[in-house]
C-alpha atoms as a PDB file:
ATOM      1  CA  UNK A   1       8.616  18.937  50.525  1.00  0.00           C
ATOM      2  CA  UNK A   2       7.958  16.816  47.391  1.00  0.00           C
ATOM      3  CA  UNK A   3       8.732  17.867  43.816  1.00  0.00           C
ATOM      4  CA  UNK A   4       7.238  16.566  40.540  1.00  0.00           C
ATOM      5  CA  UNK A   5      10.072  15.692  38.275  1.00  0.00           C
ATOM      6  CA  UNK A   6       7.812  15.878  35.226  1.00  0.00           C
ATOM      7  CA  UNK A   7       7.245  19.577  35.725  1.00  0.00           C
ATOM      8  CA  UNK A   8      10.911  20.564  35.205  1.00  0.00           C
ATOM      9  CA  UNK A   9      10.290  23.906  36.768  1.00  0.00           C
ATOM     10  CA  UNK A  10      14.009  24.053  37.390  1.00  0.00           C
ATOM     11  CA  UNK A  11      14.624  27.807  38.244  1.00  0.00           C
ATOM     12  CA  UNK A  12      11.690  27.937  40.684  1.00  0.00           C
ATOM     13  CA  UNK A  13      12.310  24.601  42.343  1.00  0.00           C
ATOM     14  CA  UNK A  14      15.996  25.098  42.792  1.00  0.00           C
ATOM     15  CA  UNK A  15      15.453  28.618  44.142  1.00  0.00           C
ATOM     16  CA  UNK A  16      13.215  27.181  46.824  1.00  0.00           C
ATOM     17  CA  UNK A  17      15.066  23.829  47.482  1.00  0.00           C
ATOM     18  CA  UNK A  18      18.616  25.080  47.416  1.00  0.00           C
ATOM     19  CA  UNK A  19      18.215  28.737  48.379  1.00  0.00           C
ATOM     20  CA  UNK A  20      20.425  29.880  45.605  1.00  0.00           C
ATOM     21  CA  UNK A  21      20.865  33.579  44.493  1.00  0.00           C
ATOM     22  CA  UNK A  22      19.958  34.321  40.975  1.00  0.00           C
ATOM     23  CA  UNK A  23      22.539  35.538  38.454  1.00  0.00           C
ATOM     24  CA  UNK A  24      22.422  36.531  34.793  1.00  0.00           C
ATOM     25  CA  UNK A  25      21.210  33.531  32.930  1.00  0.00           C
ATOM     26  CA  UNK A  26      22.557  34.699  29.663  1.00  0.00           C
ATOM     27  CA  UNK A  27      25.994  33.604  30.595  1.00  0.00           C
ATOM     28  CA  UNK A  28      25.526  29.915  29.842  1.00  0.00           C
ATOM     29  CA  UNK A  29      23.724  27.803  27.369  1.00  0.00           C
ATOM     30  CA  UNK A  30      22.424  24.226  27.959  1.00  0.00           C
ATOM     31  CA  UNK A  31      24.908  21.392  27.096  1.00  0.00           C
ATOM     32  CA  UNK A  32      24.374  17.794  26.306  1.00  0.00           C
ATOM     33  CA  UNK A  33      26.760  14.883  26.570  1.00  0.00           C
ATOM     34  CA  UNK A  34      25.878  11.428  25.156  1.00  0.00           C
ATOM     35  CA  UNK A  35      28.003   8.179  25.107  1.00  0.00           C
ATOM     36  CA  UNK A  36      27.285   4.552  24.416  1.00  0.00           C
ATOM     37  CA  UNK A  37      26.226   3.622  27.973  1.00  0.00           C
ATOM     38  CA  UNK A  38      24.839   6.919  29.345  1.00  0.00           C
ATOM     39  CA  UNK A  39      23.253  10.086  28.371  1.00  0.00           C
ATOM     40  CA  UNK A  40      23.793  13.182  30.469  1.00  0.00           C
ATOM     41  CA  UNK A  41      21.958  16.585  30.116  1.00  0.00           C
ATOM     42  CA  UNK A  42      23.464  19.538  31.839  1.00  0.00           C
ATOM     43  CA  UNK A  43      21.469  22.660  32.521  1.00  0.00           C
ATOM     44  CA  UNK A  44      23.447  25.708  33.639  1.00  0.00           C
ATOM     45  CA  UNK A  45      21.894  27.645  36.507  1.00  0.00           C
ATOM     46  CA  UNK A  46      22.543  31.284  36.970  1.00  0.00           C
ATOM     47  CA  UNK A  47      22.792  30.946  40.738  1.00  0.00           C
ATOM     48  CA  UNK A  48      25.503  30.311  43.352  1.00  0.00           C
ATOM     49  CA  UNK A  49      24.590  28.055  46.177  1.00  0.00           C
ATOM     50  CA  UNK A  50      24.836  29.392  49.613  1.00  0.00           C
ATOM     51  CA  UNK A  51      27.376  28.449  52.242  1.00  0.00           C
ATOM     52  CA  UNK A  52      25.651  25.086  52.812  1.00  0.00           C
ATOM     53  CA  UNK A  53      26.613  23.966  49.259  1.00  0.00           C
ATOM     54  CA  UNK A  54      23.878  21.353  49.156  1.00  0.00           C
ATOM     55  CA  UNK A  55      22.209  19.960  46.060  1.00  0.00           C
ATOM     56  CA  UNK A  56      19.151  17.929  45.282  1.00  0.00           C
ATOM     57  CA  UNK A  57      19.691  14.333  43.845  1.00  0.00           C
ATOM     58  CA  UNK A  58      17.228  11.901  42.551  1.00  0.00           C
ATOM     59  CA  UNK A  59      17.874   8.407  41.355  1.00  0.00           C
ATOM     60  CA  UNK A  60      15.568   5.745  39.833  1.00  0.00           C
ATOM     61  CA  UNK A  61      17.214   3.231  42.142  1.00  0.00           C
ATOM     62  CA  UNK A  62      15.980   5.109  45.213  1.00  0.00           C
ATOM     63  CA  UNK A  63      12.296   6.152  45.354  1.00  0.00           C
ATOM     64  CA  UNK A  64      12.780   9.314  47.403  1.00  0.00           C
ATOM     65  CA  UNK A  65      14.744  12.488  46.990  1.00  0.00           C
ATOM     66  CA  UNK A  66      17.923  12.888  48.984  1.00  0.00           C
ATOM     67  CA  UNK A  67      20.461  15.562  49.803  1.00  0.00           C
ATOM     68  CA  UNK A  68      24.153  15.152  49.155  1.00  0.00           C
ATOM     69  CA  UNK A  69      27.193  17.415  49.059  1.00  0.00           C
ATOM     70  CA  UNK A  70      27.556  19.474  45.833  1.00  0.00           C
ATOM     71  CA  UNK A  71      31.265  18.345  45.695  1.00  0.00           C
ATOM     72  CA  UNK A  72      30.226  14.613  45.785  1.00  0.00           C
ATOM     73  CA  UNK A  73      29.336  13.134  42.437  1.00  0.00           C
ATOM     74  CA  UNK A  74      25.723  11.994  42.158  1.00  0.00           C
ATOM     75  CA  UNK A  75      26.693   8.637  40.959  1.00  0.00           C
ATOM     76  CA  UNK A  76      29.323   7.077  43.183  1.00  0.00           C
ATOM     77  CA  UNK A  77      30.282   3.741  41.475  1.00  0.00           C
ATOM     78  CA  UNK A  78      29.681   0.564  43.436  1.00  0.00           C
ATOM     79  CA  UNK A  79      32.474  -1.869  43.948  1.00  0.00           C
ATOM     80  CA  UNK A  80      32.774  -3.742  40.657  1.00  0.00           C
ATOM     81  CA  UNK A  81      33.435  -7.464  40.365  1.00  0.00           C
ATOM     82  CA  UNK A  82      36.116  -8.866  38.064  1.00  0.00           C
ATOM     83  CA  UNK A  83      34.605 -11.163  35.445  1.00  0.00           C
ATOM     84  CA  UNK A  84      37.930 -12.709  34.664  1.00  0.00           C
ATOM     85  CA  UNK A  85      38.652 -13.339  38.314  1.00  0.00           C
ATOM     86  CA  UNK A  86      35.293 -14.958  38.885  1.00  0.00           C
ATOM     87  CA  UNK A  87      35.761 -17.171  35.953  1.00  0.00           C
ATOM     88  CA  UNK A  88      39.263 -18.246  36.885  1.00  0.00           C
ATOM     89  CA  UNK A  89      38.208 -18.997  40.425  1.00  0.00           C
ATOM     90  CA  UNK A  90      35.501 -21.374  39.289  1.00  0.00           C
ATOM     91  CA  UNK A  91      37.638 -22.884  36.596  1.00  0.00           C
ATOM     92  CA  UNK A  92      40.062 -24.022  39.421  1.00  0.00           C
ATOM     93  CA  UNK A  93      37.568 -24.839  42.019  1.00  0.00           C
ATOM     94  CA  UNK A  94      33.889 -24.987  40.980  1.00  0.00           C
ATOM     95  CA  UNK A  95      31.897 -22.718  43.288  1.00  0.00           C
ATOM     96  CA  UNK A  96      34.766 -20.406  44.224  1.00  0.00           C
ATOM     97  CA  UNK A  97      33.610 -17.830  41.574  1.00  0.00           C
ATOM     98  CA  UNK A  98      30.177 -17.923  43.053  1.00  0.00           C
ATOM     99  CA  UNK A  99      31.517 -17.352  46.507  1.00  0.00           C
ATOM    100  CA  UNK A 100      33.575 -14.434  45.054  1.00  0.00           C
ATOM    101  CA  UNK A 101      30.206 -13.087  43.744  1.00  0.00           C
ATOM    102  CA  UNK A 102      28.716 -13.577  47.204  1.00  0.00           C
ATOM    103  CA  UNK A 103      26.274 -16.183  45.971  1.00  0.00           C
ATOM    104  CA  UNK A 104      27.116 -18.585  48.680  1.00  0.00           C
ATOM    105  CA  UNK A 105      24.331 -21.110  48.044  1.00  0.00           C
ATOM    106  CA  UNK A 106      25.348 -21.493  44.387  1.00  0.00           C
ATOM    107  CA  UNK A 107      28.910 -21.810  45.544  1.00  0.00           C
ATOM    108  CA  UNK A 108      28.084 -24.662  47.845  1.00  0.00           C
ATOM    109  CA  UNK A 109      26.032 -26.353  45.233  1.00  0.00           C
ATOM    110  CA  UNK A 110      28.859 -26.299  42.651  1.00  0.00           C
ATOM    111  CA  UNK A 111      31.448 -27.273  45.273  1.00  0.00           C
ATOM    112  CA  UNK A 112      29.185 -30.089  46.426  1.00  0.00           C
ATOM    113  CA  UNK A 113      28.771 -31.353  42.841  1.00  0.00           C
ATOM    114  CA  UNK A 114      32.545 -31.367  42.348  1.00  0.00           C
ATOM    115  CA  UNK A 115      33.158 -33.350  45.557  1.00  0.00           C
ATOM    116  CA  UNK A 116      30.417 -35.718  44.682  1.00  0.00           C
ATOM    117  CA  UNK A 117      31.675 -36.371  41.183  1.00  0.00           C
ATOM    118  CA  UNK A 118      35.255 -37.189  42.382  1.00  0.00           C
ATOM    119  CA  UNK A 119      34.041 -39.327  45.169  1.00  0.00           C
ATOM    120  CA  UNK A 120      31.950 -41.333  42.741  1.00  0.00           C
ATOM    121  CA  UNK A 121      34.972 -41.529  40.303  1.00  0.00           C
ATOM    122  CA  UNK A 122      37.109 -42.999  43.086  1.00  0.00           C
ATOM    123  CA  UNK A 123      34.411 -45.410  44.191  1.00  0.00           C
ATOM    124  CA  UNK A 124      33.681 -46.782  40.714  1.00  0.00           C
ATOM    125  CA  UNK A 125      37.343 -47.011  39.832  1.00  0.00           C
ATOM    126  CA  UNK A 126      38.079 -49.019  43.023  1.00  0.00           C
ATOM    127  CA  UNK A 127      35.129 -51.352  42.174  1.00  0.00           C
ATOM    128  CA  UNK A 128      36.324 -51.793  38.591  1.00  0.00           C
ATOM    129  CA  UNK A 129      39.854 -52.749  39.771  1.00  0.00           C
ATOM    130  CA  UNK A 130      38.443 -55.333  42.137  1.00  0.00           C
ATOM    131  CA  UNK A 131      36.244 -56.768  39.443  1.00  0.00           C
ATOM    132  CA  UNK A 132      39.287 -56.893  37.140  1.00  0.00           C
ATOM    133  CA  UNK A 133      41.404 -58.784  39.661  1.00  0.00           C
ATOM    134  CA  UNK A 134      38.370 -61.147  40.092  1.00  0.00           C
ATOM    135  CA  UNK A 135      37.966 -62.040  36.505  1.00  0.00           C
ATOM    136  CA  UNK A 136      41.791 -62.365  35.826  1.00  0.00           C
ATOM    137  CA  UNK A 137      42.081 -64.862  38.690  1.00  0.00           C
ATOM    138  CA  UNK A 138      39.134 -66.758  37.222  1.00  0.00           C
ATOM    139  CA  UNK A 139      40.704 -66.820  33.792  1.00  0.00           C
ATOM    140  CA  UNK A 140      44.072 -67.986  35.241  1.00  0.00           C
ATOM    141  CA  UNK A 141      42.292 -70.905  36.962  1.00  0.00           C
ATOM    142  CA  UNK A 142      40.098 -71.997  34.082  1.00  0.00           C
ATOM    143  CA  UNK A 143      41.851 -71.148  30.710  1.00  0.00           C
ATOM    144  CA  UNK A 144      44.891 -73.027  29.681  1.00  0.00           C
ATOM    145  CA  UNK A 145      47.209 -71.501  27.040  1.00  0.00           C
ATOM    146  CA  UNK A 146      48.811 -74.858  26.268  1.00  0.00           C
ATOM    147  CA  UNK A 147      45.488 -76.452  25.594  1.00  0.00           C
ATOM    148  CA  UNK A 148      44.752 -73.637  23.180  1.00  0.00           C
ATOM    149  CA  UNK A 149      48.011 -74.120  21.188  1.00  0.00           C
ATOM    150  CA  UNK A 150      47.346 -77.906  20.983  1.00  0.00           C
ATOM    151  CA  UNK A 151      44.056 -77.228  19.342  1.00  0.00           C
ATOM    152  CA  UNK A 152      45.811 -74.791  16.942  1.00  0.00           C
ATOM    153  CA  UNK A 153      48.372 -77.476  15.963  1.00  0.00           C
ATOM    154  CA  UNK A 154      45.592 -79.925  15.212  1.00  0.00           C
ATOM    155  CA  UNK A 155      43.773 -77.386  12.966  1.00  0.00           C
ATOM    156  CA  UNK A 156      46.974 -76.431  11.239  1.00  0.00           C
ATOM    157  CA  UNK A 157      47.960 -80.028  10.478  1.00  0.00           C
ATOM    158  CA  UNK A 158      44.540 -80.885   9.226  1.00  0.00           C
ATOM    159  CA  UNK A 159      44.977 -77.976   6.671  1.00  0.00           C
ATOM    160  CA  UNK A 160      48.420 -79.213   5.594  1.00  0.00           C
ATOM    161  CA  UNK A 161      50.388 -76.735   7.561  1.00  0.00           C
ATOM    162  CA  UNK A 162      53.066 -78.681   9.376  1.00  0.00           C
ATOM    163  CA  UNK A 163      53.791 -77.205  12.851  1.00  0.00           C
ATOM    164  CA  UNK A 164      54.198 -78.524  16.349  1.00  0.00           C
ATOM    165  CA  UNK A 165      53.849 -77.122  19.858  1.00  0.00           C
ATOM    166  CA  UNK A 166      57.697 -76.885  20.200  1.00  0.00           C
ATOM    167  CA  UNK A 167      57.886 -74.228  17.552  1.00  0.00           C
ATOM    168  CA  UNK A 168      55.918 -71.404  19.102  1.00  0.00           C
ATOM    169  CA  UNK A 169      57.168 -68.783  16.649  1.00  0.00           C
ATOM    170  CA  UNK A 170      55.747 -70.806  13.677  1.00  0.00           C
ATOM    171  CA  UNK A 171      52.488 -71.397  15.513  1.00  0.00           C
ATOM    172  CA  UNK A 172      51.994 -67.638  16.164  1.00  0.00           C
ATOM    173  CA  UNK A 173      52.754 -66.993  12.444  1.00  0.00           C
ATOM    174  CA  UNK A 174      50.032 -69.547  11.521  1.00  0.00           C
ATOM    175  CA  UNK A 175      47.613 -68.075  14.010  1.00  0.00           C
ATOM    176  CA  UNK A 176      47.943 -64.525  12.496  1.00  0.00           C
ATOM    177  CA  UNK A 177      47.474 -65.860   9.000  1.00  0.00           C
ATOM    178  CA  UNK A 178      44.480 -68.015   9.864  1.00  0.00           C
ATOM    179  CA  UNK A 179      42.548 -66.014  12.472  1.00  0.00           C
ATOM    180  CA  UNK A 180      41.423 -62.336  12.830  1.00  0.00           C
ATOM    181  CA  UNK A 181      42.883 -62.138  16.329  1.00  0.00           C
ATOM    182  CA  UNK A 182      45.927 -63.484  18.156  1.00  0.00           C
ATOM    183  CA  UNK A 183      47.049 -64.375  21.620  1.00  0.00           C
ATOM    184  CA  UNK A 184      49.457 -61.730  23.088  1.00  0.00           C
ATOM    185  CA  UNK A 185      52.720 -63.027  24.481  1.00  0.00           C
ATOM    186  CA  UNK A 186      52.103 -61.328  27.821  1.00  0.00           C
ATOM    187  CA  UNK A 187      48.988 -61.376  29.981  1.00  0.00           C
ATOM    188  CA  UNK A 188      47.864 -57.817  29.298  1.00  0.00           C
ATOM    189  CA  UNK A 189      44.586 -56.269  28.843  1.00  0.00           C
ATOM    190  CA  UNK A 190      44.227 -57.597  25.228  1.00  0.00           C
ATOM    191  CA  UNK A 191      45.099 -61.076  26.397  1.00  0.00           C
ATOM    192  CA  UNK A 192      42.305 -61.193  28.913  1.00  0.00           C
ATOM    193  CA  UNK A 193      39.850 -59.574  26.491  1.00  0.00           C
ATOM    194  CA  UNK A 194      40.581 -62.006  23.630  1.00  0.00           C
ATOM    195  CA  UNK A 195      40.306 -65.271  25.419  1.00  0.00           C
ATOM    196  CA  UNK A 196      36.709 -64.538  26.471  1.00  0.00           C
ATOM    197  CA  UNK A 197      35.553 -62.523  23.502  1.00  0.00           C
ATOM    198  CA  UNK A 198      36.451 -64.613  20.464  1.00  0.00           C
ATOM    199  CA  UNK A 199      35.547 -68.175  19.599  1.00  0.00           C
ATOM    200  CA  UNK A 200      38.895 -69.159  18.436  1.00  0.00           C
ATOM    201  CA  UNK A 201      40.037 -69.239  22.126  1.00  0.00           C
ATOM    202  CA  UNK A 202      37.199 -71.641  23.101  1.00  0.00           C
ATOM    203  CA  UNK A 203      39.524 -74.470  23.121  1.00  0.00           C
ATOM    204  CA  UNK A 204      41.543 -73.274  26.170  1.00  0.00           C
ATOM    205  CA  UNK A 205      38.588 -73.331  28.597  1.00  0.00           C
ATOM    206  CA  UNK A 206      38.667 -76.299  30.928  1.00  0.00           C
ATOM    207  CA  UNK A 207      34.973 -77.183  30.653  1.00  0.00           C
ATOM    208  CA  UNK A 208      34.582 -76.951  26.839  1.00  0.00           C
ATOM    209  CA  UNK A 209      35.012 -79.425  24.051  1.00  0.00           C
ATOM    210  CA  UNK A 210      38.536 -78.399  23.334  1.00  0.00           C
ATOM    211  CA  UNK A 211      37.683 -77.464  19.852  1.00  0.00           C
ATOM    212  CA  UNK A 212      38.426 -74.071  18.216  1.00  0.00           C
ATOM    213  CA  UNK A 213      35.705 -71.875  16.888  1.00  0.00           C
ATOM    214  CA  UNK A 214      33.058 -73.286  19.209  1.00  0.00           C
ATOM    215  CA  UNK A 215      30.955 -71.717  21.918  1.00  0.00           C
ATOM    216  CA  UNK A 216      30.382 -74.595  24.418  1.00  0.00           C
ATOM    217  CA  UNK A 217      32.064 -73.474  27.620  1.00  0.00           C
ATOM    218  CA  UNK A 218      29.954 -72.221  30.631  1.00  0.00           C
ATOM    219  CA  UNK A 219      33.167 -70.830  32.263  1.00  0.00           C
ATOM    220  CA  UNK A 220      33.762 -68.694  29.255  1.00  0.00           C
ATOM    221  CA  UNK A 221      30.298 -67.252  29.411  1.00  0.00           C
ATOM    222  CA  UNK A 222      30.680 -66.560  33.175  1.00  0.00           C
ATOM    223  CA  UNK A 223      33.989 -65.018  32.554  1.00  0.00           C
ATOM    224  CA  UNK A 224      32.513 -62.727  29.853  1.00  0.00           C
ATOM    225  CA  UNK A 225      29.797 -61.562  32.311  1.00  0.00           C
ATOM    226  CA  UNK A 226      32.503 -60.833  34.998  1.00  0.00           C
ATOM    227  CA  UNK A 227      34.427 -58.686  32.422  1.00  0.00           C
ATOM    228  CA  UNK A 228      31.335 -56.801  31.521  1.00  0.00           C
ATOM    229  CA  UNK A 229      30.552 -55.986  35.156  1.00  0.00           C
ATOM    230  CA  UNK A 230      34.165 -54.601  35.465  1.00  0.00           C
ATOM    231  CA  UNK A 231      33.790 -52.554  32.476  1.00  0.00           C
ATOM    232  CA  UNK A 232      30.559 -51.108  33.690  1.00  0.00           C
ATOM    233  CA  UNK A 233      32.284 -49.788  36.740  1.00  0.00           C
ATOM    234  CA  UNK A 234      35.013 -48.193  34.647  1.00  0.00           C
ATOM    235  CA  UNK A 235      32.376 -46.616  32.388  1.00  0.00           C
ATOM    236  CA  UNK A 236      30.699 -45.141  35.445  1.00  0.00           C
ATOM    237  CA  UNK A 237      34.029 -43.714  36.638  1.00  0.00           C
ATOM    238  CA  UNK A 238      34.598 -42.080  33.291  1.00  0.00           C
ATOM    239  CA  UNK A 239      31.093 -40.570  33.460  1.00  0.00           C
ATOM    240  CA  UNK A 240      31.755 -39.193  36.837  1.00  0.00           C
ATOM    241  CA  UNK A 241      35.048 -37.535  35.731  1.00  0.00           C
ATOM    242  CA  UNK A 242      33.247 -36.111  32.714  1.00  0.00           C
ATOM    243  CA  UNK A 243      30.555 -34.616  34.902  1.00  0.00           C
ATOM    244  CA  UNK A 244      33.251 -33.082  37.007  1.00  0.00           C
ATOM    245  CA  UNK A 245      34.696 -31.369  33.903  1.00  0.00           C
ATOM    246  CA  UNK A 246      31.249 -30.177  32.887  1.00  0.00           C
ATOM    247  CA  UNK A 247      30.801 -28.763  36.493  1.00  0.00           C
ATOM    248  CA  UNK A 248      33.978 -26.825  36.056  1.00  0.00           C
ATOM    249  CA  UNK A 249      32.765 -25.383  32.865  1.00  0.00           C
ATOM    250  CA  UNK A 250      29.218 -24.482  33.941  1.00  0.00           C
ATOM    251  CA  UNK A 251      30.479 -22.937  37.192  1.00  0.00           C
ATOM    252  CA  UNK A 252      33.048 -20.846  35.317  1.00  0.00           C
ATOM    253  CA  UNK A 253      30.445 -19.573  32.860  1.00  0.00           C
ATOM    254  CA  UNK A 254      27.842 -18.844  35.548  1.00  0.00           C
ATOM    255  CA  UNK A 255      30.298 -17.034  37.736  1.00  0.00           C
ATOM    256  CA  UNK A 256      31.524 -14.796  34.805  1.00  0.00           C
ATOM    257  CA  UNK A 257      27.933 -14.060  33.787  1.00  0.00           C
ATOM    258  CA  UNK A 258      26.747 -13.185  37.318  1.00  0.00           C
ATOM    259  CA  UNK A 259      29.723 -10.897  37.766  1.00  0.00           C
ATOM    260  CA  UNK A 260      28.937  -9.189  34.432  1.00  0.00           C
ATOM    261  CA  UNK A 261      25.214  -8.778  35.228  1.00  0.00           C
ATOM    262  CA  UNK A 262      26.225  -7.413  38.775  1.00  0.00           C
ATOM    263  CA  UNK A 263      28.430  -4.730  37.184  1.00  0.00           C
ATOM    264  CA  UNK A 264      25.786  -3.955  34.540  1.00  0.00           C
ATOM    265  CA  UNK A 265      23.156  -3.436  37.263  1.00  0.00           C
ATOM    266  CA  UNK A 266      25.371  -0.857  38.991  1.00  0.00           C
ATOM    267  CA  UNK A 267      25.239   1.557  36.048  1.00  0.00           C
ATOM    268  CA  UNK A 268      21.519   1.189  35.033  1.00  0.00           C
ATOM    269  CA  UNK A 269      18.990   3.852  35.965  1.00  0.00           C
ATOM    270  CA  UNK A 270      18.391   7.639  35.835  1.00  0.00           C
ATOM    271  CA  UNK A 271      19.534  10.455  38.193  1.00  0.00           C
ATOM    272  CA  UNK A 272      19.802  14.175  38.246  1.00  0.00           C
ATOM    273  CA  UNK A 273      21.454  16.541  40.634  1.00  0.00           C
ATOM    274  CA  UNK A 274      23.782  19.632  40.998  1.00  0.00           C
ATOM    275  CA  UNK A 275      27.329  19.575  39.593  1.00  0.00           C
ATOM    276  CA  UNK A 276      30.014  22.248  39.499  1.00  0.00           C
ATOM    277  CA  UNK A 277      31.387  23.165  36.037  1.00  0.00           C
ATOM    278  CA  UNK A 278      34.186  25.579  35.279  1.00  0.00           C
ATOM    279  CA  UNK A 279      33.107  28.623  33.206  1.00  0.00           C
ATOM    280  CA  UNK A 280      35.486  31.559  32.516  1.00  0.00           C
ATOM    281  CA  UNK A 281      37.834  30.314  35.232  1.00  0.00           C
ATOM    282  CA  UNK A 282      34.924  30.197  37.756  1.00  0.00           C
ATOM    283  CA  UNK A 283      32.889  27.317  39.120  1.00  0.00           C
ATOM    284  CA  UNK A 284      29.218  27.408  38.048  1.00  0.00           C
ATOM    285  CA  UNK A 285      26.539  25.159  39.487  1.00  0.00           C
ATOM    286  CA  UNK A 286      24.558  23.255  36.803  1.00  0.00           C
ATOM    287  CA  UNK A 287      21.747  20.678  36.980  1.00  0.00           C
ATOM    288  CA  UNK A 288      22.749  17.377  35.403  1.00  0.00           C
ATOM    289  CA  UNK A 289      20.371  14.659  34.331  1.00  0.00           C
ATOM    290  CA  UNK A 290      21.931  11.239  33.653  1.00  0.00           C
ATOM    291  CA  UNK A 291      20.412   8.093  32.215  1.00  0.00           C
ATOM    292  CA  UNK A 292      22.384   4.797  32.102  1.00  0.00           C
ATOM    293  CA  UNK A 293      21.449   1.589  30.317  1.00  0.00           C
END
């Protein structure tokens, strides 16, 4: 038998549907309870249900009317998902929060992106290291530090600054006062950068004129290109690691949002059915209409 909800012919419908015995309706008045997430209207019924103790429940999430036990709440809560747990899982391992939310395809996509980013990072870092070793060997073979200092001595003497190659400390003092850059004492990253980048180190290249502040060495130009290629690999590695960090963040936000939306969806809708309320120390059946948003 189908019932039209809009009619709200409650006493007649319930008398037929539930086979309840009528009692004095003057005992109870209608009550209404409203909170921030749900509104519940309760209509007391002057009837006791028979031994079957069945009630009629309708929900907007199910198109049809269904019977359930009077002693069972009409809105059994679904298993909720922890927003914090979903976010933490994805913050540690991208995709783990999606798998927790049972979004397996999303989880595999985030996990695949994470693996791909770190594989790319390892690949580009390895290429950068190999390119670095290559240009350092090239510099050691084609740039001579002593030839550079000899040119510095010639320039200093021409400017009336008396130094010689035997007094390296005085040479370095002149170098710092005369040029914007200096040659480090050890072959570190700055050492290999400066000898190819600045014209004052042109004199040390074996195919140049031997003069400071010139740009006439092809080996120097080739060396600069080799360093640029190495730096390109390291930049790609940095980009890959940055993408991995972004993947962590996006996965974490998406997992938390999906868990929140899932929990929110469990409480939305409208339903009504029979509930038992205590009145004058006795249980009284009432019809409850509930709307969640």
